[in-house]
PDB file of N, CA and C in Angstrom:
ATOM      1  N   MET A   1     -61.247   0.089  28.783  1.00  0.00           N
ATOM      2  CA  MET A   1     -60.511   1.282  28.385  1.00  0.00           C
ATOM      3  C   MET A   1     -61.447   2.486  28.518  1.00  0.00           C
ATOM      4  N   ARG A   2     -60.940   3.533  29.119  1.00  0.00           N
ATOM      5  CA  ARG A   2     -61.746   4.735  29.339  1.00  0.00           C
ATOM      6  C   ARG A   2     -61.875   5.564  28.057  1.00  0.00           C
ATOM      7  N   THR A   3     -62.956   6.330  28.002  1.00  0.00           N
ATOM      8  CA  THR A   3     -63.237   7.184  26.846  1.00  0.00           C
ATOM      9  C   THR A   3     -62.079   8.134  26.562  1.00  0.00           C
ATOM     10  N   GLU A   4     -61.488   8.702  27.605  1.00  0.00           N
ATOM     11  CA  GLU A   4     -60.392   9.660  27.431  1.00  0.00           C
ATOM     12  C   GLU A   4     -59.184   9.006  26.763  1.00  0.00           C
ATOM     13  N   GLU A   5     -58.897   7.760  27.142  1.00  0.00           N
ATOM     14  CA  GLU A   5     -57.768   7.048  26.534  1.00  0.00           C
ATOM     15  C   GLU A   5     -58.048   6.732  25.071  1.00  0.00           C
ATOM     16  N   ILE A   6     -59.258   6.297  24.793  1.00  0.00           N
ATOM     17  CA  ILE A   6     -59.642   6.018  23.398  1.00  0.00           C
ATOM     18  C   ILE A   6     -59.524   7.294  22.578  1.00  0.00           C
ATOM     19  N   ASP A   7     -60.027   8.404  23.103  1.00  0.00           N
ATOM     20  CA  ASP A   7     -59.967   9.688  22.410  1.00  0.00           C
ATOM     21  C   ASP A   7     -58.523  10.067  22.093  1.00  0.00           C
ATOM     22  N   ALA A   8     -57.639   9.957  23.064  1.00  0.00           N
ATOM     23  CA  ALA A   8     -56.232  10.319  22.849  1.00  0.00           C
ATOM     24  C   ALA A   8     -55.586   9.423  21.798  1.00  0.00           C
ATOM     25  N   ARG A   9     -55.889   8.132  21.851  1.00  0.00           N
ATOM     26  CA  ARG A   9     -55.303   7.210  20.876  1.00  0.00           C
ATOM     27  C   ARG A   9     -55.869   7.437  19.475  1.00  0.00           C
ATOM     28  N   VAL A  10     -57.153   7.768  19.377  1.00  0.00           N
ATOM     29  CA  VAL A  10     -57.749   8.092  18.080  1.00  0.00           C
ATOM     30  C   VAL A  10     -57.060   9.318  17.489  1.00  0.00           C
ATOM     31  N   ARG A  11     -56.854  10.337  18.299  1.00  0.00           N
ATOM     32  CA  ARG A  11     -56.186  11.548  17.819  1.00  0.00           C
ATOM     33  C   ARG A  11     -54.756  11.263  17.365  1.00  0.00           C
ATOM     34  N   ASP A  12     -54.060  10.366  18.060  1.00  0.00           N
ATOM     35  CA  ASP A  12     -52.715   9.972  17.632  1.00  0.00           C
ATOM     36  C   ASP A  12     -52.750   9.284  16.271  1.00  0.00           C
ATOM     37  N   VAL A  13     -53.724   8.406  16.078  1.00  0.00           N
ATOM     38  CA  VAL A  13     -53.867   7.729  14.784  1.00  0.00           C
ATOM     39  C   VAL A  13     -54.143   8.753  13.689  1.00  0.00           C
ATOM     40  N   LEU A  14     -55.020   9.711  13.955  1.00  0.00           N
ATOM     41  CA  LEU A  14     -55.326  10.729  12.951  1.00  0.00           C
ATOM     42  C   LEU A  14     -54.096  11.581  12.638  1.00  0.00           C
ATOM     43  N   ARG A  15     -53.309  11.926  13.652  1.00  0.00           N
ATOM     44  CA  ARG A  15     -52.072  12.694  13.423  1.00  0.00           C
ATOM     45  C   ARG A  15     -51.135  11.932  12.488  1.00  0.00           C
ATOM     46  N   LEU A  16     -50.980  10.637  12.757  1.00  0.00           N
ATOM     47  CA  LEU A  16     -50.096   9.818  11.930  1.00  0.00           C
ATOM     48  C   LEU A  16     -50.654   9.636  10.520  1.00  0.00           C
ATOM     49  N   SER A  17     -51.933   9.367  10.429  1.00  0.00           N
ATOM     50  CA  SER A  17     -52.551   9.110   9.138  1.00  0.00           C
ATOM     51  C   SER A  17     -52.530  10.337   8.233  1.00  0.00           C
ATOM     52  N   PHE A  18     -52.882  11.489   8.780  1.00  0.00           N
ATOM     53  CA  PHE A  18     -52.980  12.702   7.970  1.00  0.00           C
ATOM     54  C   PHE A  18     -51.722  13.560   8.006  1.00  0.00           C
ATOM     55  N   LYS A  19     -50.778  13.165   8.879  1.00  0.00           N
ATOM     56  CA  LYS A  19     -49.526  13.923   9.017  1.00  0.00           C
ATOM     57  C   LYS A  19     -49.815  15.414   9.225  1.00  0.00           C
ATOM     58  N   THR A  20     -50.676  15.661  10.209  1.00  0.00           N
ATOM     59  CA  THR A  20     -51.087  17.027  10.516  1.00  0.00           C
ATOM     60  C   THR A  20     -51.355  17.147  12.006  1.00  0.00           C
ATOM     61  N   GLU A  21     -51.471  18.357  12.472  1.00  0.00           N
ATOM     62  CA  GLU A  21     -51.813  18.590  13.870  1.00  0.00           C
ATOM     63  C   GLU A  21     -53.301  18.327  14.085  1.00  0.00           C
ATOM     64  N   VAL A  22     -53.581  17.610  15.125  1.00  0.00           N
ATOM     65  CA  VAL A  22     -54.956  17.343  15.536  1.00  0.00           C
ATOM     66  C   VAL A  22     -55.069  17.880  16.957  1.00  0.00           C
ATOM     67  N   PRO A  23     -56.046  18.739  17.236  1.00  0.00           N
ATOM     68  CA  PRO A  23     -56.144  19.298  18.582  1.00  0.00           C
ATOM     69  C   PRO A  23     -56.302  18.187  19.626  1.00  0.00           C
ATOM     70  N   SER A  24     -55.735  18.402  20.796  1.00  0.00           N
ATOM     71  CA  SER A  24     -55.798  17.377  21.837  1.00  0.00           C
ATOM     72  C   SER A  24     -57.176  17.269  22.469  1.00  0.00           C
ATOM     73  N   GLU A  25     -58.021  18.245  22.215  1.00  0.00           N
ATOM     74  CA  GLU A  25     -59.416  18.161  22.656  1.00  0.00           C
ATOM     75  C   GLU A  25     -60.270  18.991  21.721  1.00  0.00           C
ATOM     76  N   GLY A  26     -61.565  18.823  21.860  1.00  0.00           N
ATOM     77  CA  GLY A  26     -62.480  19.529  20.965  1.00  0.00           C
ATOM     78  C   GLY A  26     -62.740  18.716  19.713  1.00  0.00           C
ATOM     79  N   SER A  27     -63.480  19.315  18.812  1.00  0.00           N
ATOM     80  CA  SER A  27     -63.880  18.578  17.613  1.00  0.00           C
ATOM     81  C   SER A  27     -62.774  18.561  16.565  1.00  0.00           C
ATOM     82  N   PHE A  28     -62.793  17.521  15.772  1.00  0.00           N
ATOM     83  CA  PHE A  28     -61.933  17.393  14.599  1.00  0.00           C
ATOM     84  C   PHE A  28     -62.663  16.425  13.689  1.00  0.00           C
ATOM     85  N   SER A  29     -62.928  16.859  12.457  1.00  0.00           N
ATOM     86  CA  SER A  29     -63.718  16.026  11.553  1.00  0.00           C
ATOM     87  C   SER A  29     -63.180  16.101  10.132  1.00  0.00           C
ATOM     88  N   ARG A  30     -63.790  15.302   9.299  1.00  0.00           N
ATOM     89  CA  ARG A  30     -63.407  15.259   7.885  1.00  0.00           C
ATOM     90  C   ARG A  30     -63.522  16.645   7.256  1.00  0.00           C
ATOM     91  N   GLU A  31     -64.484  17.427   7.699  1.00  0.00           N
ATOM     92  CA  GLU A  31     -64.684  18.787   7.181  1.00  0.00           C
ATOM     93  C   GLU A  31     -63.513  19.707   7.535  1.00  0.00           C
ATOM     94  N   ASP A  32     -62.814  19.390   8.635  1.00  0.00           N
ATOM     95  CA  ASP A  32     -61.708  20.229   9.103  1.00  0.00           C
ATOM     96  C   ASP A  32     -60.380  19.929   8.412  1.00  0.00           C
ATOM     97  N   GLU A  33     -60.272  18.774   7.759  1.00  0.00           N
ATOM     98  CA  GLU A  33     -58.984  18.335   7.234  1.00  0.00           C
ATOM     99  C   GLU A  33     -59.036  18.107   5.724  1.00  0.00           C
ATOM    100  N   PRO A  34     -58.387  18.976   4.951  1.00  0.00           N
ATOM    101  CA  PRO A  34     -58.394  18.822   3.494  1.00  0.00           C
ATOM    102  C   PRO A  34     -57.727  17.530   3.000  1.00  0.00           C
ATOM    103  N   LYS A  35     -56.812  16.980   3.799  1.00  0.00           N
ATOM    104  CA  LYS A  35     -56.117  15.745   3.396  1.00  0.00           C
ATOM    105  C   LYS A  35     -56.983  14.500   3.589  1.00  0.00           C
ATOM    106  N   TRP A  36     -58.144  14.651   4.227  1.00  0.00           N
ATOM    107  CA  TRP A  36     -59.012  13.516   4.546  1.00  0.00           C
ATOM    108  C   TRP A  36     -59.835  13.146   3.317  1.00  0.00           C
ATOM    109  N   ASP A  37     -59.178  12.528   2.352  1.00  0.00           N
ATOM    110  CA  ASP A  37     -59.864  12.064   1.149  1.00  0.00           C
ATOM    111  C   ASP A  37     -60.204  10.580   1.299  1.00  0.00           C
ATOM    112  N   SER A  38     -60.735   9.981   0.252  1.00  0.00           N
ATOM    113  CA  SER A  38     -61.188   8.590   0.354  1.00  0.00           C
ATOM    114  C   SER A  38     -60.037   7.620   0.606  1.00  0.00           C
ATOM    115  N   LEU A  39     -58.896   7.855   0.015  1.00  0.00           N
ATOM    116  CA  LEU A  39     -57.748   6.973   0.232  1.00  0.00           C
ATOM    117  C   LEU A  39     -57.245   7.081   1.679  1.00  0.00           C
ATOM    118  N   LYS A  40     -57.127   8.291   2.184  1.00  0.00           N
ATOM    119  CA  LYS A  40     -56.704   8.495   3.568  1.00  0.00           C
ATOM    120  C   LYS A  40     -57.747   7.927   4.543  1.00  0.00           C
ATOM    121  N   HIS A  41     -59.009   7.986   4.162  1.00  0.00           N
ATOM    122  CA  HIS A  41     -60.067   7.444   5.002  1.00  0.00           C
ATOM    123  C   HIS A  41     -59.865   5.940   5.204  1.00  0.00           C
ATOM    124  N   VAL A  42     -59.588   5.235   4.120  1.00  0.00           N
ATOM    125  CA  VAL A  42     -59.363   3.791   4.198  1.00  0.00           C
ATOM    126  C   VAL A  42     -58.098   3.495   5.004  1.00  0.00           C
ATOM    127  N   GLU A  43     -57.041   4.248   4.765  1.00  0.00           N
ATOM    128  CA  GLU A  43     -55.796   4.076   5.520  1.00  0.00           C
ATOM    129  C   GLU A  43     -56.049   4.277   7.017  1.00  0.00           C
ATOM    130  N   MET A  44     -56.799   5.311   7.356  1.00  0.00           N
ATOM    131  CA  MET A  44     -57.122   5.605   8.746  1.00  0.00           C
ATOM    132  C   MET A  44     -57.908   4.447   9.374  1.00  0.00           C
ATOM    133  N   ILE A  45     -58.848   3.889   8.646  1.00  0.00           N
ATOM    134  CA  ILE A  45     -59.647   2.771   9.151  1.00  0.00           C
ATOM    135  C   ILE A  45     -58.744   1.590   9.479  1.00  0.00           C
ATOM    136  N   PHE A  46     -57.822   1.257   8.584  1.00  0.00           N
ATOM    137  CA  PHE A  46     -56.896   0.149   8.847  1.00  0.00           C
ATOM    138  C   PHE A  46     -56.023   0.434  10.069  1.00  0.00           C
ATOM    139  N   MET A  47     -55.574   1.671  10.207  1.00  0.00           N
ATOM    140  CA  MET A  47     -54.753   2.040  11.354  1.00  0.00           C
ATOM    141  C   MET A  47     -55.549   1.945  12.652  1.00  0.00           C
ATOM    142  N   LEU A  48     -56.801   2.369  12.629  1.00  0.00           N
ATOM    143  CA  LEU A  48     -57.653   2.267  13.812  1.00  0.00           C
ATOM    144  C   LEU A  48     -57.906   0.806  14.187  1.00  0.00           C
ATOM    145  N   GLU A  49     -58.149  -0.027  13.191  1.00  0.00           N
ATOM    146  CA  GLU A  49     -58.363  -1.449  13.458  1.00  0.00           C
ATOM    147  C   GLU A  49     -57.129  -2.068  14.101  1.00  0.00           C
ATOM    148  N   ASP A  50     -55.951  -1.711  13.609  1.00  0.00           N
ATOM    149  CA  ASP A  50     -54.712  -2.216  14.206  1.00  0.00           C
ATOM    150  C   ASP A  50     -54.507  -1.687  15.621  1.00  0.00           C
ATOM    151  N   GLU A  51     -54.747  -0.411  15.816  1.00  0.00           N
ATOM    152  CA  GLU A  51     -54.530   0.223  17.115  1.00  0.00           C
ATOM    153  C   GLU A  51     -55.422  -0.374  18.207  1.00  0.00           C
ATOM    154  N   PHE A  52     -56.681  -0.625  17.873  1.00  0.00           N
ATOM    155  CA  PHE A  52     -57.639  -1.061  18.877  1.00  0.00           C
ATOM    156  C   PHE A  52     -57.993  -2.546  18.777  1.00  0.00           C
ATOM    157  N   GLN A  53     -57.416  -3.246  17.804  1.00  0.00           N
ATOM    158  CA  GLN A  53     -57.700  -4.666  17.612  1.00  0.00           C
ATOM    159  C   GLN A  53     -59.205  -4.918  17.465  1.00  0.00           C
ATOM    160  N   VAL A  54     -59.821  -4.116  16.585  1.00  0.00           N
ATOM    161  CA  VAL A  54     -61.248  -4.259  16.282  1.00  0.00           C
ATOM    162  C   VAL A  54     -61.407  -4.378  14.778  1.00  0.00           C
ATOM    163  N   GLN A  55     -62.582  -4.780  14.357  1.00  0.00           N
ATOM    164  CA  GLN A  55     -62.925  -4.848  12.940  1.00  0.00           C
ATOM    165  C   GLN A  55     -64.141  -3.976  12.703  1.00  0.00           C
ATOM    166  N   PHE A  56     -64.054  -3.086  11.747  1.00  0.00           N
ATOM    167  CA  PHE A  56     -65.202  -2.271  11.363  1.00  0.00           C
ATOM    168  C   PHE A  56     -65.900  -2.931  10.187  1.00  0.00           C
ATOM    169  N   ALA A  57     -67.217  -2.910  10.221  1.00  0.00           N
ATOM    170  CA  ALA A  57     -68.000  -3.399   9.088  1.00  0.00           C
ATOM    171  C   ALA A  57     -68.024  -2.313   8.018  1.00  0.00           C
ATOM    172  N   GLU A  58     -68.245  -2.725   6.787  1.00  0.00           N
ATOM    173  CA  GLU A  58     -68.337  -1.737   5.707  1.00  0.00           C
ATOM    174  C   GLU A  58     -69.381  -0.673   6.012  1.00  0.00           C
ATOM    175  N   SER A  59     -70.448  -1.087   6.668  1.00  0.00           N
ATOM    176  CA  SER A  59     -71.511  -0.129   7.007  1.00  0.00           C
ATOM    177  C   SER A  59     -71.046   0.913   8.023  1.00  0.00           C
ATOM    178  N   ASP A  60     -69.951   0.642   8.731  1.00  0.00           N
ATOM    179  CA  ASP A  60     -69.394   1.600   9.697  1.00  0.00           C
ATOM    180  C   ASP A  60     -68.557   2.685   9.019  1.00  0.00           C
ATOM    181  N   PHE A  61     -68.017   2.396   7.856  1.00  0.00           N
ATOM    182  CA  PHE A  61     -67.031   3.287   7.224  1.00  0.00           C
ATOM    183  C   PHE A  61     -67.533   4.722   7.088  1.00  0.00           C
ATOM    184  N   ALA A  62     -68.773   4.896   6.666  1.00  0.00           N
ATOM    185  CA  ALA A  62     -69.308   6.237   6.435  1.00  0.00           C
ATOM    186  C   ALA A  62     -69.497   7.014   7.735  1.00  0.00           C
ATOM    187  N   ARG A  63     -69.611   6.314   8.859  1.00  0.00           N
ATOM    188  CA  ARG A  63     -69.805   6.972  10.160  1.00  0.00           C
ATOM    189  C   ARG A  63     -68.500   7.523  10.725  1.00  0.00           C
ATOM    190  N   LEU A  64     -67.369   7.044  10.271  1.00  0.00           N
ATOM    191  CA  LEU A  64     -66.067   7.399  10.843  1.00  0.00           C
ATOM    192  C   LEU A  64     -65.556   8.717  10.274  1.00  0.00           C
ATOM    193  N   THR A  65     -66.264   9.804  10.589  1.00  0.00           N
ATOM    194  CA  THR A  65     -65.914  11.088   9.983  1.00  0.00           C
ATOM    195  C   THR A  65     -65.541  12.165  10.986  1.00  0.00           C
ATOM    196  N   SER A  66     -65.482  11.811  12.267  1.00  0.00           N
ATOM    197  CA  SER A  66     -65.069  12.781  13.284  1.00  0.00           C
ATOM    198  C   SER A  66     -64.502  12.022  14.480  1.00  0.00           C
ATOM    199  N   VAL A  67     -63.731  12.721  15.278  1.00  0.00           N
ATOM    200  CA  VAL A  67     -63.177  12.094  16.479  1.00  0.00           C
ATOM    201  C   VAL A  67     -64.307  11.534  17.339  1.00  0.00           C
ATOM    202  N   ALA A  68     -65.357  12.319  17.548  1.00  0.00           N
ATOM    203  CA  ALA A  68     -66.459  11.878  18.402  1.00  0.00           C
ATOM    204  C   ALA A  68     -67.112  10.601  17.875  1.00  0.00           C
ATOM    205  N   GLU A  69     -67.355  10.541  16.579  1.00  0.00           N
ATOM    206  CA  GLU A  69     -67.971   9.351  15.984  1.00  0.00           C
ATOM    207  C   GLU A  69     -67.041   8.147  16.073  1.00  0.00           C
ATOM    208  N   ILE A  70     -65.764   8.366  15.815  1.00  0.00           N
ATOM    209  CA  ILE A  70     -64.796   7.266  15.871  1.00  0.00           C
ATOM    210  C   ILE A  70     -64.705   6.728  17.293  1.00  0.00           C
ATOM    211  N   VAL A  71     -64.596   7.619  18.272  1.00  0.00           N
ATOM    212  CA  VAL A  71     -64.505   7.189  19.674  1.00  0.00           C
ATOM    213  C   VAL A  71     -65.749   6.385  20.058  1.00  0.00           C
ATOM    214  N   ALA A  72     -66.918   6.869  19.701  1.00  0.00           N
ATOM    215  CA  ALA A  72     -68.162   6.169  20.041  1.00  0.00           C
ATOM    216  C   ALA A  72     -68.199   4.780  19.416  1.00  0.00           C
ATOM    217  N   LEU A  73     -67.781   4.672  18.174  1.00  0.00           N
ATOM    218  CA  LEU A  73     -67.817   3.375  17.495  1.00  0.00           C
ATOM    219  C   LEU A  73     -66.769   2.425  18.072  1.00  0.00           C
ATOM    220  N   VAL A  74     -65.579   2.930  18.361  1.00  0.00           N
ATOM    221  CA  VAL A  74     -64.547   2.095  18.979  1.00  0.00           C
ATOM    222  C   VAL A  74     -65.032   1.595  20.340  1.00  0.00           C
ATOM    223  N   GLU A  75     -65.634   2.488  21.132  1.00  0.00           N
ATOM    224  CA  GLU A  75     -66.175   2.065  22.433  1.00  0.00           C
ATOM    225  C   GLU A  75     -67.188   0.940  22.282  1.00  0.00           C
ATOM    226  N   SER A  76     -68.062   1.070  21.307  1.00  0.00           N
ATOM    227  CA  SER A  76     -69.083   0.032  21.117  1.00  0.00           C
ATOM    228  C   SER A  76     -68.449  -1.283  20.676  1.00  0.00           C
ATOM    229  N   LYS A  77     -67.416  -1.210  19.860  1.00  0.00           N
ATOM    230  CA  LYS A  77     -66.721  -2.430  19.406  1.00  0.00           C
ATOM    231  C   LYS A  77     -65.988  -3.100  20.560  1.00  0.00           C
ATOM    232  N   LEU A  78     -65.357  -2.307  21.426  1.00  0.00           N
ATOM    233  CA  LEU A  78     -64.620  -2.853  22.555  1.00  0.00           C
ATOM    234  C   LEU A  78     -65.548  -3.431  23.622  1.00  0.00           C
ATOM    235  N   ALA A  79     -66.777  -2.942  23.669  1.00  0.00           N
ATOM    236  CA  ALA A  79     -67.739  -3.399  24.673  1.00  0.00           C
ATOM    237  C   ALA A  79     -68.327  -4.775  24.328  1.00  0.00           C
ATOM    238  N   THR A  80     -68.202  -5.179  23.092  1.00  0.00           N
ATOM    239  CA  THR A  80     -68.785  -6.463  22.685  1.00  0.00           C
ATOM    240  C   THR A  80     -67.802  -7.586  22.797  1.00  0.00           C
TER     241      THR A  80
END
């Protein structure tokens, strides 16, 4: 799966999870979204795991705070 496809799918998950507009390109992070609280963070993680059929370790949770970080981590999970 190409980086661009992963990026687009991550943004779709974030749109659904936070029920907000997420730009189709550029940065988007926890700092940009007031609805991104701890409960939404966990919900988003479960949605990402379902979308990409991957499992995140607990140690990954804190890294999943921006589109760029999420895409990079999903890529690494899919590569293994």
